[in-house]
Amino acid sequence: MQNAIREVTPMITDQAAVFGLLMAVLGLVFFTSSLKNKYIQGFYSVIPPLLMCYFIPGILNSLHIIDGENSPLASIGSRYFLPACLILFTLNLDLREMWNLRKRAGLMFLAGTIGIMLGGPLAVWITALVAPDVVGGAGPDEVWRGLGALAGSWIGGSANQVALREILQPSPKLFSSIIAVDVFVAYIWMALLLFGASKVKRLNQFFRADDADVTALSQRMDSQTQAHGRTAETKDYIFMLALALGGTGLSSLLSSPVADYMATNYPQLEKFSLTNGFFWLVLFATIIGVGLSFTPARKLEHAGASKIGTTLLYMLIVTIGMQMDIAAILNNPGLFVVGIIWISFHAIVLIVVGRLIKAPFFYLAVGSMANVGGVASATVTAAAFHPSLISVGVILAVFGYAIGTYAGWFTAILMQMVSPI
């Protein structure tokens, strides 16, 4: 018995040391991924840095170097880093520019969102007809809970995925499998879109599209970047953190009494997660971020607000990764099939809508990755067409962050309805 206890006792129990180790992992991943060595670049072209930020802490946990399951760091990450980065991502939401893009770029983004929201339940339903065990489960292992977190990632981004993970509470074992599906399927789809960027003229012919507005848009974005970009000062970073963490504190203060009120007076709403304090924490943080986008605080984006948000997001990701059980990833390989069916439906919806409205392939690619990949992937995809178009990817992806948690939650409810009993 004592030997068994020694086998599962983590090597590092000091939480400050654990946090330092996680930050070292984050630094190592970003340092190596920025090296110009062709072998290292080849490795990261196959296994992206984001995946490493999940899996290296997971390996440390699986080898019992750290104890991710019982560490308070994961809770700190979800309760502090997550709402803070949501505020920083959404304070730059430009509703006017979104309205200007509504005709084709906005429509392709919404088509991609609808493709995810309908594709998830469809994939679960189809799989349930053939192999119900793949999408079944009980309690925290109910597969729809993990797929609901995946829906948050594929409509918004990693922050939304984490939010839904806290709301839907899938088991760590299930969530480990879901992360593998997320990265594997999403990055294959992203690779196809980047390949399409090199064939953009031929694809525009297929969509019967005139990309004159894309050219005009790139010129307009160039002008805006030159006019507003600036080097951040210390006070800018203080303002960003004050808004992000102050907004997080306010959201936390408001969320608990609202959740308690709902639980006491409307307990039947528990199945919709409306008695969950974390649901309200994310909701209030998003509202605060969107509200700030109507104030001068939105100018902080010119000093790098989204970069601070991304830093917090990656700090959050390594605290999530430390809870992973690497051995659990292949426990349900059928989930990869669910993911492929799901993303295929998303692609079909985009292609059909793109053909109908004669949208340039750029709008399809960026509209898709603003959903499936979030800010980072949408930025990379937009840059593959033209560097000045990065802002379009950011705008659409920020909008995805704003709606991702709630659209993903609704998708999770639909998947719960079609899951086998």
Protein backbone atom coordinates (compact mmCIF):
# COMPACT_ATOMS: atom_id res chain seq x y z
CA MET A 1 0.00 0.00 0.00
CA GLN A 2 2.79 2.39 0.89
CA ASN A 3 4.52 1.61 -2.41
CA ALA A 4 1.30 2.43 -4.27
CA ILE A 5 1.08 5.73 -2.46
CA ARG A 6 4.69 6.56 -3.33
CA GLU A 7 3.99 5.79 -6.99
CA VAL A 8 1.28 8.46 -7.22
CA THR A 9 2.90 11.06 -4.96
CA PRO A 10 4.07 13.92 -7.22
CA MET A 11 7.74 14.77 -7.34
CA ILE A 12 7.00 18.50 -6.97
CA THR A 13 4.37 19.52 -4.43
CA ASP A 14 5.28 23.19 -3.89
CA GLN A 15 2.69 25.10 -5.96
CA ALA A 16 4.97 28.08 -6.59
CA ALA A 17 7.53 25.65 -8.02
CA VAL A 18 4.81 23.96 -10.10
CA PHE A 19 3.71 27.33 -11.50
CA GLY A 20 7.31 28.24 -12.27
CA LEU A 21 7.75 24.93 -14.08
CA LEU A 22 4.63 25.58 -16.17
CA MET A 23 5.88 29.05 -17.12
CA ALA A 24 9.25 27.52 -18.06
CA VAL A 25 7.42 25.05 -20.30
CA LEU A 26 5.58 27.95 -21.94
CA GLY A 27 8.84 29.83 -22.49
CA LEU A 28 10.54 26.73 -23.89
CA VAL A 29 7.74 26.11 -26.40
CA PHE A 30 7.75 29.68 -27.68
CA PHE A 31 11.54 29.90 -27.75
CA THR A 32 11.99 26.69 -29.75
CA SER A 33 9.06 27.42 -32.09
CA SER A 34 10.70 30.75 -33.03
CA LEU A 35 14.03 29.13 -33.99
CA LYS A 36 14.90 29.05 -37.67
CA ASN A 37 16.32 25.52 -37.62
CA LYS A 38 14.61 23.61 -40.43
CA TYR A 39 14.20 20.44 -38.33
CA ILE A 40 12.57 22.30 -35.47
CA GLN A 41 10.36 24.22 -37.88
CA GLY A 42 9.42 20.93 -39.52
CA PHE A 43 8.48 19.51 -36.11
CA TYR A 44 6.25 22.48 -35.26
CA SER A 45 4.64 22.38 -38.70
CA VAL A 46 3.34 18.93 -37.75
CA ILE A 47 2.82 19.46 -34.01
CA PRO A 48 1.79 23.10 -33.42
CA PRO A 49 2.98 25.06 -30.36
CA LEU A 50 -0.56 25.21 -28.97
CA LEU A 51 -0.67 21.42 -28.77
CA MET A 52 2.69 21.35 -26.97
CA CYS A 53 1.36 23.83 -24.40
CA TYR A 54 -1.37 21.33 -23.59
CA PHE A 55 0.62 18.13 -23.81
CA ILE A 56 3.94 18.86 -22.06
CA PRO A 57 2.13 19.72 -18.78
CA GLY A 58 -0.02 16.65 -19.40
CA ILE A 59 3.09 14.50 -19.68
CA LEU A 60 4.43 15.98 -16.44
CA ASN A 61 1.13 15.10 -14.78
CA SER A 62 1.01 11.60 -16.26
CA LEU A 63 4.57 10.92 -15.02
CA HIS A 64 3.58 12.18 -11.53
CA ILE A 65 6.14 14.95 -11.62
CA ILE A 66 3.26 17.29 -10.71
CA ASP A 67 -0.30 16.64 -9.52
CA GLY A 68 -2.55 18.58 -11.85
CA GLU A 69 -5.82 17.11 -10.65
CA ASN A 70 -5.42 18.39 -7.08
CA SER A 71 -3.52 21.60 -7.81
CA PRO A 72 -5.26 24.95 -7.14
CA LEU A 73 -3.51 26.42 -10.17
CA ALA A 74 -6.14 25.09 -12.59
CA SER A 75 -8.91 26.83 -10.66
CA ILE A 76 -6.87 30.04 -10.47
CA GLY A 77 -6.37 29.89 -14.23
CA SER A 78 -10.04 29.46 -15.04
CA ARG A 79 -11.27 31.99 -12.46
CA TYR A 80 -8.69 34.73 -13.06
CA PHE A 81 -6.89 34.32 -16.38
CA LEU A 82 -9.94 33.30 -18.43
CA PRO A 83 -12.30 36.22 -17.71
CA ALA A 84 -9.36 38.63 -17.89
CA CYS A 85 -8.34 37.51 -21.36
CA LEU A 86 -11.97 37.55 -22.53
CA ILE A 87 -12.22 41.20 -21.51
CA LEU A 88 -8.99 42.07 -23.33
CA PHE A 89 -10.09 40.23 -26.48
CA THR A 90 -13.55 41.79 -26.64
CA LEU A 91 -12.72 45.40 -25.72
CA ASN A 92 -11.59 45.86 -29.34
CA LEU A 93 -14.84 44.57 -30.82
CA ASP A 94 -15.59 46.93 -33.72
CA LEU A 95 -19.30 46.61 -34.40
CA ARG A 96 -19.17 49.27 -37.13
CA GLU A 97 -16.51 47.36 -39.07
CA MET A 98 -18.46 44.16 -38.49
CA TRP A 99 -21.46 45.88 -40.05
CA ASN A 100 -19.40 46.98 -43.04
CA LEU A 101 -18.29 43.38 -43.53
CA ARG A 102 -21.78 41.96 -43.14
CA LYS A 103 -22.49 41.35 -46.81
CA ARG A 104 -19.93 38.65 -47.47
CA ALA A 105 -17.24 38.35 -44.79
CA GLY A 106 -19.77 38.57 -41.97
CA LEU A 107 -22.15 36.24 -43.75
CA MET A 108 -19.41 33.65 -44.27
CA PHE A 109 -18.47 33.91 -40.61
CA LEU A 110 -22.08 33.35 -39.56
CA ALA A 111 -22.40 30.49 -42.05
CA GLY A 112 -19.37 28.90 -40.42
CA THR A 113 -20.91 29.38 -36.96
CA ILE A 114 -24.18 27.78 -38.09
CA GLY A 115 -22.21 24.94 -39.68
CA ILE A 116 -20.55 24.25 -36.30
CA MET A 117 -23.78 24.60 -34.32
CA LEU A 118 -25.69 22.17 -36.56
CA GLY A 119 -22.75 19.95 -37.49
CA GLY A 120 -22.07 18.91 -33.89
CA PRO A 121 -25.56 17.52 -33.20
CA LEU A 122 -25.62 15.97 -36.68
CA ALA A 123 -22.28 14.22 -36.10
CA VAL A 124 -23.46 12.91 -32.72
CA TRP A 125 -26.76 11.69 -34.19
CA ILE A 126 -25.07 9.92 -37.13
CA THR A 127 -22.49 8.30 -34.87
CA ALA A 128 -25.18 7.23 -32.39
CA LEU A 129 -26.94 5.32 -35.17
CA VAL A 130 -23.81 3.27 -35.92
CA ALA A 131 -21.80 3.23 -32.69
CA PRO A 132 -23.79 4.66 -29.75
CA ASP A 133 -21.03 3.82 -27.26
CA VAL A 134 -18.75 6.38 -28.93
CA VAL A 135 -21.08 9.29 -28.04
CA GLY A 136 -22.65 7.83 -24.89
CA GLY A 137 -21.26 7.83 -21.37
CA ALA A 138 -22.63 8.72 -17.95
CA GLY A 139 -22.12 11.59 -15.53
CA PRO A 140 -18.90 13.58 -16.19
CA ASP A 141 -18.03 11.06 -18.93
CA GLU A 142 -21.10 11.93 -21.03
CA VAL A 143 -19.48 12.66 -24.37
CA TRP A 144 -21.75 15.61 -25.18
CA ARG A 145 -20.13 17.48 -22.28
CA GLY A 146 -16.70 17.22 -23.87
CA LEU A 147 -18.06 17.95 -27.34
CA GLY A 148 -19.79 21.02 -25.92
CA ALA A 149 -16.39 22.33 -24.82
CA LEU A 150 -15.13 21.57 -28.33
CA ALA A 151 -18.03 23.59 -29.77
CA GLY A 152 -16.85 26.56 -27.71
CA SER A 153 -13.38 26.21 -29.21
CA TRP A 154 -14.70 25.88 -32.77
CA ILE A 155 -17.02 28.89 -32.53
CA GLY A 156 -14.78 31.16 -30.44
CA GLY A 157 -11.45 29.85 -29.25
CA SER A 158 -9.54 28.28 -26.41
CA ALA A 159 -10.92 30.74 -23.86
CA ASN A 160 -14.48 29.75 -24.77
CA GLN A 161 -13.49 26.08 -24.64
CA VAL A 162 -12.21 26.52 -21.12
CA ALA A 163 -15.35 28.41 -20.12
CA LEU A 164 -17.58 25.60 -21.36
CA ARG A 165 -15.32 23.03 -19.75
CA GLU A 166 -15.99 24.72 -16.42
CA ILE A 167 -19.72 25.01 -17.13
CA LEU A 168 -20.33 21.50 -18.52
CA GLN A 169 -17.77 19.72 -16.29
CA PRO A 170 -16.53 16.86 -18.53
CA SER A 171 -14.14 14.49 -16.80
CA PRO A 172 -10.37 15.15 -17.23
CA LYS A 173 -10.12 11.85 -19.13
CA LEU A 174 -12.83 12.87 -21.60
CA PHE A 175 -11.43 16.38 -21.95
CA SER A 176 -8.01 14.97 -22.80
CA SER A 177 -9.54 13.08 -25.72
CA ILE A 178 -11.47 16.18 -26.80
CA ILE A 179 -8.30 18.31 -26.92
CA ALA A 180 -6.67 15.71 -29.18
CA VAL A 181 -9.71 15.79 -31.49
CA ASP A 182 -9.74 19.59 -31.45
CA VAL A 183 -6.11 20.00 -32.45
CA PHE A 184 -5.96 17.11 -34.91
CA VAL A 185 -9.11 17.96 -36.86
CA ALA A 186 -8.84 21.76 -36.65
CA TYR A 187 -5.23 21.91 -37.81
CA ILE A 188 -5.83 19.53 -40.71
CA TRP A 189 -8.66 21.84 -41.81
CA MET A 190 -6.44 24.89 -41.33
CA ALA A 191 -3.71 23.26 -43.43
CA LEU A 192 -6.22 22.75 -46.24
CA LEU A 193 -7.28 26.40 -46.07
CA LEU A 194 -3.66 27.60 -46.16
CA PHE A 195 -3.06 25.39 -49.17
CA GLY A 196 -6.12 26.97 -50.75
CA ALA A 197 -4.59 30.42 -50.19
CA SER A 198 -1.86 29.45 -52.66
CA LYS A 199 -4.57 28.56 -55.20
CA VAL A 200 -6.77 31.56 -54.50
CA LYS A 201 -7.31 32.63 -58.14
CA ARG A 202 -8.48 29.18 -59.17
CA LEU A 203 -10.77 28.92 -56.15
CA ASN A 204 -12.23 32.37 -56.77
CA GLN A 205 -13.13 31.16 -60.24
CA PHE A 206 -14.92 28.19 -58.66
CA PHE A 207 -16.88 30.56 -56.42
CA ARG A 208 -17.44 32.95 -59.38
CA ALA A 209 -16.12 35.69 -57.08
CA ASP A 210 -14.78 39.17 -57.72
CA ASP A 211 -12.22 40.00 -55.03
CA ALA A 212 -12.02 43.73 -55.78
CA ASP A 213 -13.49 44.50 -52.35
CA VAL A 214 -10.77 42.38 -50.71
CA THR A 215 -8.12 44.49 -52.42
CA ALA A 216 -9.83 47.71 -51.34
CA LEU A 217 -10.17 46.37 -47.82
CA SER A 218 -6.45 45.54 -47.62
CA GLN A 219 -5.61 49.10 -48.63
CA ARG A 220 -7.99 50.54 -46.01
CA MET A 221 -6.56 48.31 -43.28
CA ASP A 222 -3.02 49.37 -44.22
CA SER A 223 -4.00 52.99 -43.73
CA GLN A 224 -5.62 52.34 -40.32
CA THR A 225 -2.62 50.39 -39.04
CA GLN A 226 -0.20 53.14 -40.02
CA ALA A 227 -2.42 55.80 -38.45
CA HIS A 228 -3.08 54.20 -35.04
CA GLY A 229 -0.28 51.76 -34.20
CA ARG A 230 2.00 52.85 -31.34
CA THR A 231 4.54 51.53 -28.87
CA ALA A 232 3.02 50.65 -25.51
CA GLU A 233 4.09 52.49 -22.37
CA THR A 234 4.08 51.23 -18.79
CA LYS A 235 0.83 53.06 -18.07
CA ASP A 236 -0.81 51.23 -20.99
CA TYR A 237 0.01 47.86 -19.44
CA ILE A 238 -1.26 49.08 -16.08
CA PHE A 239 -4.53 50.23 -17.68
CA MET A 240 -4.94 46.91 -19.52
CA LEU A 241 -4.40 44.82 -16.40
CA ALA A 242 -6.57 47.15 -14.32
CA LEU A 243 -9.48 46.75 -16.72
CA ALA A 244 -8.94 43.02 -17.21
CA LEU A 245 -8.47 42.06 -13.56
CA GLY A 246 -10.81 44.73 -12.21
CA GLY A 247 -13.49 43.50 -14.62
CA THR A 248 -12.77 39.95 -13.51
CA GLY A 249 -13.28 40.94 -9.89
CA LEU A 250 -16.55 42.69 -10.67
CA SER A 251 -17.75 39.71 -12.71
CA SER A 252 -16.92 37.36 -9.84
CA LEU A 253 -18.71 39.63 -7.36
CA LEU A 254 -21.88 39.64 -9.47
CA SER A 255 -21.87 36.00 -10.58
CA SER A 256 -22.22 34.26 -7.20
CA PRO A 257 -25.43 36.00 -6.01
CA VAL A 258 -27.04 35.63 -9.46
CA ALA A 259 -26.21 31.91 -9.57
CA ASP A 260 -27.49 31.46 -6.01
CA TYR A 261 -30.73 33.29 -6.88
CA MET A 262 -31.28 31.10 -9.93
CA ALA A 263 -30.56 27.92 -7.95
CA THR A 264 -32.96 28.93 -5.19
CA ASN A 265 -35.84 30.24 -7.29
CA TYR A 266 -35.44 28.38 -10.60
CA PRO A 267 -33.71 25.05 -9.82
CA GLN A 268 -35.15 23.54 -12.99
CA LEU A 269 -32.73 25.72 -14.98
CA GLU A 270 -29.79 23.70 -13.70
CA LYS A 271 -29.89 21.54 -16.85
CA PHE A 272 -29.18 24.69 -18.87
CA SER A 273 -26.22 25.57 -16.57
CA LEU A 274 -27.96 28.78 -15.45
CA THR A 275 -27.36 27.90 -11.80
CA ASN A 276 -23.62 27.58 -12.46
CA GLY A 277 -21.66 30.53 -11.11
CA PHE A 278 -18.99 30.14 -13.76
CA PHE A 279 -21.57 30.62 -16.53
CA TRP A 280 -22.44 34.02 -15.08
CA LEU A 281 -18.79 34.86 -14.46
CA VAL A 282 -18.04 34.42 -18.18
CA LEU A 283 -21.24 36.22 -19.20
CA PHE A 284 -20.48 39.29 -17.08
CA ALA A 285 -16.83 39.36 -18.22
CA THR A 286 -17.93 39.30 -21.86
CA ILE A 287 -20.51 42.04 -21.25
CA ILE A 288 -17.85 44.19 -19.58
CA GLY A 289 -15.46 43.64 -22.50
CA VAL A 290 -18.09 44.50 -25.12
CA GLY A 291 -19.15 47.53 -23.05
CA LEU A 292 -15.55 48.77 -22.98
CA SER A 293 -15.46 48.57 -26.78
CA PHE A 294 -17.76 51.64 -26.81
CA THR A 295 -15.33 53.66 -24.68
CA PRO A 296 -11.83 55.08 -25.22
CA ALA A 297 -10.52 51.87 -23.62
CA ARG A 298 -10.81 50.22 -27.04
CA LYS A 299 -7.75 52.26 -28.11
CA LEU A 300 -5.66 50.07 -25.82
CA GLU A 301 -5.71 47.51 -28.62
CA HIS A 302 -3.32 49.80 -30.52
CA ALA A 303 -0.89 49.32 -27.63
CA GLY A 304 -1.30 45.53 -27.62
CA ALA A 305 -4.32 44.60 -25.46
CA SER A 306 -4.98 41.42 -27.43
CA LYS A 307 -1.30 40.43 -27.02
CA ILE A 308 -1.66 40.65 -23.24
CA GLY A 309 -4.89 38.69 -23.58
CA THR A 310 -3.10 36.03 -25.61
CA THR A 311 -0.35 35.81 -22.98
CA LEU A 312 -2.95 35.22 -20.27
CA LEU A 313 -4.65 32.68 -22.51
CA TYR A 314 -1.47 30.64 -22.90
CA MET A 315 -0.88 30.81 -19.15
CA LEU A 316 -4.39 29.42 -18.81
CA ILE A 317 -3.72 26.68 -21.36
CA VAL A 318 -0.74 25.24 -19.47
CA THR A 319 -2.79 25.11 -16.25
CA ILE A 320 -5.43 23.14 -18.16
CA GLY A 321 -2.84 20.86 -19.69
CA MET A 322 -1.53 19.89 -16.27
CA GLN A 323 -4.81 18.07 -15.62
CA MET A 324 -4.52 15.87 -18.69
CA ASP A 325 -3.98 12.14 -18.59
CA ILE A 326 -2.05 11.41 -21.78
CA ALA A 327 -2.93 7.72 -21.68
CA ALA A 328 -6.63 8.62 -21.84
CA ILE A 329 -6.37 10.30 -25.24
CA LEU A 330 -6.86 7.09 -27.23
CA ASN A 331 -9.55 5.69 -24.95
CA ASN A 332 -12.21 6.66 -27.47
CA PRO A 333 -10.68 6.93 -30.98
CA GLY A 334 -14.19 7.06 -32.44
CA LEU A 335 -14.33 10.69 -31.34
CA PHE A 336 -11.94 11.54 -34.18
CA VAL A 337 -14.60 10.29 -36.61
CA VAL A 338 -17.18 12.51 -34.89
CA GLY A 339 -14.83 15.48 -35.31
CA ILE A 340 -14.24 14.74 -39.00
CA ILE A 341 -17.99 14.48 -39.71
CA TRP A 342 -18.52 17.69 -37.78
CA ILE A 343 -15.87 19.76 -39.57
CA SER A 344 -16.95 18.31 -42.94
CA PHE A 345 -20.48 19.62 -42.44
CA HIS A 346 -19.02 23.01 -41.49
CA ALA A 347 -17.00 22.99 -44.73
CA ILE A 348 -20.01 21.99 -46.85
CA VAL A 349 -22.12 24.84 -45.43
CA LEU A 350 -19.34 27.33 -46.19
CA ILE A 351 -18.84 26.07 -49.75
CA VAL A 352 -22.57 26.17 -50.52
CA VAL A 353 -23.04 29.66 -49.08
CA GLY A 354 -19.83 30.86 -50.73
CA ARG A 355 -21.05 29.70 -54.12
CA LEU A 356 -24.48 31.27 -53.60
CA ILE A 357 -23.17 34.71 -52.65
CA LYS A 358 -20.07 34.52 -54.89
CA ALA A 359 -17.74 35.15 -51.95
CA PRO A 360 -13.97 35.27 -52.50
CA PHE A 361 -12.13 32.33 -50.98
CA PHE A 362 -10.47 34.74 -48.54
CA TYR A 363 -13.82 35.32 -46.81
CA LEU A 364 -14.46 31.58 -46.60
CA ALA A 365 -11.03 30.82 -45.15
CA VAL A 366 -10.96 33.64 -42.60
CA GLY A 367 -14.64 33.23 -41.70
CA SER A 368 -13.99 29.57 -41.01
CA MET A 369 -10.81 30.00 -38.96
CA ALA A 370 -12.30 32.90 -36.99
CA ASN A 371 -14.70 30.21 -35.76
CA VAL A 372 -12.60 27.07 -35.63
CA GLY A 373 -9.22 28.49 -34.70
CA GLY A 374 -9.81 31.78 -32.89
CA VAL A 375 -7.63 34.88 -33.10
CA ALA A 376 -4.30 33.12 -33.61
CA SER A 377 -5.41 30.86 -36.46
CA ALA A 378 -7.54 33.54 -38.12
CA THR A 379 -4.53 35.86 -38.03
CA VAL A 380 -2.25 33.28 -39.61
CA THR A 381 -4.83 32.47 -42.28
CA ALA A 382 -5.49 36.13 -43.12
CA ALA A 383 -1.75 36.81 -43.35
CA ALA A 384 -1.45 34.01 -45.91
CA PHE A 385 -3.51 36.19 -48.26
CA HIS A 386 -2.07 39.61 -47.35
CA PRO A 387 -0.52 40.95 -44.10
CA SER A 388 -2.78 43.99 -44.10
CA LEU A 389 -5.84 41.72 -43.95
CA ILE A 390 -4.90 40.43 -40.50
CA SER A 391 -7.29 42.95 -38.93
CA VAL A 392 -10.23 41.28 -40.68
CA GLY A 393 -9.33 37.96 -39.10
CA VAL A 394 -8.95 39.60 -35.70
CA ILE A 395 -12.30 41.43 -35.94
CA LEU A 396 -14.18 38.28 -36.90
CA ALA A 397 -12.35 36.17 -34.31
CA VAL A 398 -13.04 38.70 -31.56
CA PHE A 399 -16.71 38.52 -32.47
CA GLY A 400 -16.36 34.75 -32.22
CA TYR A 401 -14.94 35.16 -28.70
CA ALA A 402 -17.96 37.30 -27.80
CA ILE A 403 -20.52 34.69 -28.87
CA GLY A 404 -18.51 31.48 -28.65
CA THR A 405 -19.38 30.48 -25.08
CA TYR A 406 -23.12 30.94 -25.56
CA ALA A 407 -23.36 29.48 -29.06
CA GLY A 408 -21.21 26.58 -27.87
CA TRP A 409 -23.43 26.09 -24.84
CA PHE A 410 -26.54 25.98 -27.06
CA THR A 411 -24.77 23.48 -29.33
CA ALA A 412 -23.99 21.35 -26.27
CA ILE A 413 -27.68 21.33 -25.33
CA LEU A 414 -28.58 20.17 -28.86
CA MET A 415 -25.96 17.41 -28.66
CA GLN A 416 -27.32 16.34 -25.29
CA MET A 417 -30.78 16.00 -26.87
CA VAL A 418 -29.58 13.66 -29.65
CA SER A 419 -27.12 11.66 -27.51
CA PRO A 420 -28.03 8.03 -26.76
CA ILE A 421 -29.60 7.50 -23.35
